[in-house]
Amino acid sequence: METITNIIAQYHLEGLLVGAATFLIIGLFHPLVIKGEYYFGTGCRWAFAVLGVLMCGVSLVVESTTWSILAGVVAFSSFWSIKEISEQRERVLKGWFPRNPKRKGDYGDEPAGH
């Protein structure tokens, strides 16, 4: 019986695998940005920065081309999320997404603790 790895290589499915995984990774980061801003505010940008740097390192040391590419996709999705956190805050201020009532003072329109 052939292994999954052999089947992927035999039928040259790496491109489809990377494409599908990239689609899922980007799709995963969208709700992470929304939830991150909701619960932690723009301060969660540091978590995305750290994850991005770590995944860049993983991409450099992993021997498998496919896994290296996927680590790179996670890294740059993380870096893109840093920008998206600020834009998510703007969307919250416009009323397009809910504000976290526990973080009222974080939006500059109400005093903290009130």
C-alpha atoms as a PDB file:
ATOM      1  CA  MET A   1       0.000   0.000   0.000  1.00  0.00           C
ATOM      2  CA  GLU A   2       1.304   3.434  -0.938  1.00  0.00           C
ATOM      3  CA  THR A   3       1.798   6.086   1.670  1.00  0.00           C
ATOM      4  CA  ILE A   4       0.146   9.469   1.441  1.00  0.00           C
ATOM      5  CA  THR A   5       3.545  11.073   0.826  1.00  0.00           C
ATOM      6  CA  ASN A   6       4.202   8.774  -2.135  1.00  0.00           C
ATOM      7  CA  ILE A   7       0.766   9.437  -3.594  1.00  0.00           C
ATOM      8  CA  ILE A   8       1.246  13.202  -3.253  1.00  0.00           C
ATOM      9  CA  ALA A   9       4.647  13.005  -4.944  1.00  0.00           C
ATOM     10  CA  GLN A  10       3.520  10.558  -7.650  1.00  0.00           C
ATOM     11  CA  TYR A  11       0.622  12.693  -8.764  1.00  0.00           C
ATOM     12  CA  HIS A  12       2.400  16.035  -8.199  1.00  0.00           C
ATOM     13  CA  LEU A  13      -0.199  17.180  -5.709  1.00  0.00           C
ATOM     14  CA  GLU A  14       2.143  19.426  -3.706  1.00  0.00           C
ATOM     15  CA  GLY A  15       0.861  22.584  -5.412  1.00  0.00           C
ATOM     16  CA  LEU A  16      -2.751  21.740  -4.663  1.00  0.00           C
ATOM     17  CA  LEU A  17      -1.868  20.820  -1.088  1.00  0.00           C
ATOM     18  CA  VAL A  18       0.005  24.092  -0.532  1.00  0.00           C
ATOM     19  CA  GLY A  19      -2.797  26.079  -2.198  1.00  0.00           C
ATOM     20  CA  ALA A  20      -5.507  24.487  -0.054  1.00  0.00           C
ATOM     21  CA  ALA A  21      -3.439  24.853   3.113  1.00  0.00           C
ATOM     22  CA  THR A  22      -2.718  28.510   2.302  1.00  0.00           C
ATOM     23  CA  PHE A  23      -6.429  29.128   1.827  1.00  0.00           C
ATOM     24  CA  LEU A  24      -7.158  27.538   5.220  1.00  0.00           C
ATOM     25  CA  ILE A  25      -4.324  29.396   6.984  1.00  0.00           C
ATOM     26  CA  ILE A  26      -5.487  32.775   5.687  1.00  0.00           C
ATOM     27  CA  GLY A  27      -9.058  31.844   6.597  1.00  0.00           C
ATOM     28  CA  LEU A  28      -7.915  30.999  10.123  1.00  0.00           C
ATOM     29  CA  PHE A  29      -6.151  34.330  10.621  1.00  0.00           C
ATOM     30  CA  HIS A  30      -9.295  36.372   9.859  1.00  0.00           C
ATOM     31  CA  PRO A  31     -11.153  35.290  13.025  1.00  0.00           C
ATOM     32  CA  LEU A  32      -7.883  35.380  15.016  1.00  0.00           C
ATOM     33  CA  VAL A  33      -7.569  39.086  14.194  1.00  0.00           C
ATOM     34  CA  ILE A  34     -11.204  39.750  15.138  1.00  0.00           C
ATOM     35  CA  LYS A  35     -11.000  37.832  18.428  1.00  0.00           C
ATOM     36  CA  GLY A  36      -7.539  39.182  19.222  1.00  0.00           C
ATOM     37  CA  GLU A  37      -8.675  42.790  18.890  1.00  0.00           C
ATOM     38  CA  TYR A  38     -11.867  42.076  20.839  1.00  0.00           C
ATOM     39  CA  TYR A  39     -10.173  40.434  23.821  1.00  0.00           C
ATOM     40  CA  PHE A  40      -6.716  42.070  23.851  1.00  0.00           C
ATOM     41  CA  GLY A  41      -6.955  45.249  21.786  1.00  0.00           C
ATOM     42  CA  THR A  42      -4.146  46.332  19.518  1.00  0.00           C
ATOM     43  CA  GLY A  43      -1.587  45.012  22.015  1.00  0.00           C
ATOM     44  CA  CYS A  44      -1.954  41.539  20.528  1.00  0.00           C
ATOM     45  CA  ARG A  45       0.102  42.733  17.549  1.00  0.00           C
ATOM     46  CA  TRP A  46       3.159  41.569  19.489  1.00  0.00           C
ATOM     47  CA  ALA A  47       1.863  37.985  19.544  1.00  0.00           C
ATOM     48  CA  PHE A  48       1.479  38.065  15.764  1.00  0.00           C
ATOM     49  CA  ALA A  49       4.978  39.544  15.418  1.00  0.00           C
ATOM     50  CA  VAL A  50       6.529  36.850  17.601  1.00  0.00           C
ATOM     51  CA  LEU A  51       4.657  34.092  15.768  1.00  0.00           C
ATOM     52  CA  GLY A  52       5.784  35.543  12.443  1.00  0.00           C
ATOM     53  CA  VAL A  53       9.435  35.629  13.442  1.00  0.00           C
ATOM     54  CA  LEU A  54       9.271  32.110  14.893  1.00  0.00           C
ATOM     55  CA  MET A  55       7.646  30.715  11.774  1.00  0.00           C
ATOM     56  CA  CYS A  56      10.266  32.431   9.602  1.00  0.00           C
ATOM     57  CA  GLY A  57      12.857  30.536  11.615  1.00  0.00           C
ATOM     58  CA  VAL A  58      10.956  27.282  11.194  1.00  0.00           C
ATOM     59  CA  SER A  59      10.734  27.899   7.463  1.00  0.00           C
ATOM     60  CA  LEU A  60      14.516  28.246   7.290  1.00  0.00           C
ATOM     61  CA  VAL A  61      15.339  25.041   9.163  1.00  0.00           C
ATOM     62  CA  VAL A  62      12.688  22.582   7.951  1.00  0.00           C
ATOM     63  CA  GLU A  63      14.027  20.282   5.256  1.00  0.00           C
ATOM     64  CA  SER A  64      10.719  19.573   3.547  1.00  0.00           C
ATOM     65  CA  THR A  65       9.945  22.153   0.874  1.00  0.00           C
ATOM     66  CA  THR A  66       6.200  21.830   1.434  1.00  0.00           C
ATOM     67  CA  TRP A  67       6.430  22.352   5.205  1.00  0.00           C
ATOM     68  CA  SER A  68       8.908  25.196   4.722  1.00  0.00           C
ATOM     69  CA  ILE A  69       6.472  26.930   2.381  1.00  0.00           C
ATOM     70  CA  LEU A  70       3.578  26.444   4.786  1.00  0.00           C
ATOM     71  CA  ALA A  71       5.649  27.839   7.670  1.00  0.00           C
ATOM     72  CA  GLY A  72       6.389  30.849   5.458  1.00  0.00           C
ATOM     73  CA  VAL A  73       2.696  31.294   4.729  1.00  0.00           C
ATOM     74  CA  VAL A  74       1.937  31.272   8.465  1.00  0.00           C
ATOM     75  CA  ALA A  75       4.798  33.729   9.063  1.00  0.00           C
ATOM     76  CA  PHE A  76       3.615  36.266   6.529  1.00  0.00           C
ATOM     77  CA  SER A  77      -0.036  35.803   7.469  1.00  0.00           C
ATOM     78  CA  SER A  78       1.073  36.728  10.992  1.00  0.00           C
ATOM     79  CA  PHE A  79       2.905  39.812   9.737  1.00  0.00           C
ATOM     80  CA  TRP A  80      -0.142  40.857   7.710  1.00  0.00           C
ATOM     81  CA  SER A  81      -2.294  40.425  10.822  1.00  0.00           C
ATOM     82  CA  ILE A  82      -0.260  43.124  12.590  1.00  0.00           C
ATOM     83  CA  LYS A  83      -1.649  45.622  10.078  1.00  0.00           C
ATOM     84  CA  GLU A  84      -5.107  44.068  10.203  1.00  0.00           C
ATOM     85  CA  ILE A  85      -5.354  44.507  13.988  1.00  0.00           C
ATOM     86  CA  SER A  86      -5.180  48.293  13.541  1.00  0.00           C
ATOM     87  CA  GLU A  87      -7.731  48.137  10.742  1.00  0.00           C
ATOM     88  CA  GLN A  88      -9.965  45.923  12.880  1.00  0.00           C
ATOM     89  CA  ARG A  89      -9.890  48.606  15.583  1.00  0.00           C
ATOM     90  CA  GLU A  90     -11.074  51.117  12.984  1.00  0.00           C
ATOM     91  CA  ARG A  91     -13.883  48.764  11.963  1.00  0.00           C
ATOM     92  CA  VAL A  92     -14.931  48.506  15.620  1.00  0.00           C
ATOM     93  CA  LEU A  93     -14.916  52.306  15.952  1.00  0.00           C
ATOM     94  CA  LYS A  94     -17.156  52.537  12.866  1.00  0.00           C
ATOM     95  CA  GLY A  95     -19.591  50.133  14.508  1.00  0.00           C
ATOM     96  CA  TRP A  96     -19.055  47.313  12.031  1.00  0.00           C
ATOM     97  CA  PHE A  97     -17.912  44.938  14.805  1.00  0.00           C
ATOM     98  CA  PRO A  98     -18.865  44.842  18.494  1.00  0.00           C
ATOM     99  CA  ARG A  99     -16.776  46.505  21.172  1.00  0.00           C
ATOM    100  CA  ASN A 100     -15.656  44.528  24.173  1.00  0.00           C
ATOM    101  CA  PRO A 101     -17.553  46.133  27.076  1.00  0.00           C
ATOM    102  CA  LYS A 102     -14.703  45.205  29.432  1.00  0.00           C
ATOM    103  CA  ARG A 103     -12.341  47.441  27.428  1.00  0.00           C
ATOM    104  CA  LYS A 104     -14.449  50.612  27.224  1.00  0.00           C
ATOM    105  CA  GLY A 105     -11.572  53.030  27.809  1.00  0.00           C
ATOM    106  CA  ASP A 106      -9.446  51.511  25.046  1.00  0.00           C
ATOM    107  CA  TYR A 107     -11.310  53.338  22.308  1.00  0.00           C
ATOM    108  CA  GLY A 108     -10.617  56.867  23.500  1.00  0.00           C
ATOM    109  CA  ASP A 109     -14.246  57.869  23.801  1.00  0.00           C
ATOM    110  CA  GLU A 110     -14.903  56.868  27.412  1.00  0.00           C
ATOM    111  CA  PRO A 111     -12.773  57.085  30.522  1.00  0.00           C
ATOM    112  CA  ALA A 112     -11.180  53.808  31.583  1.00  0.00           C
ATOM    113  CA  GLY A 113     -12.996  52.023  34.386  1.00  0.00           C
ATOM    114  CA  HIS A 114     -16.395  53.626  33.716  1.00  0.00           C
END
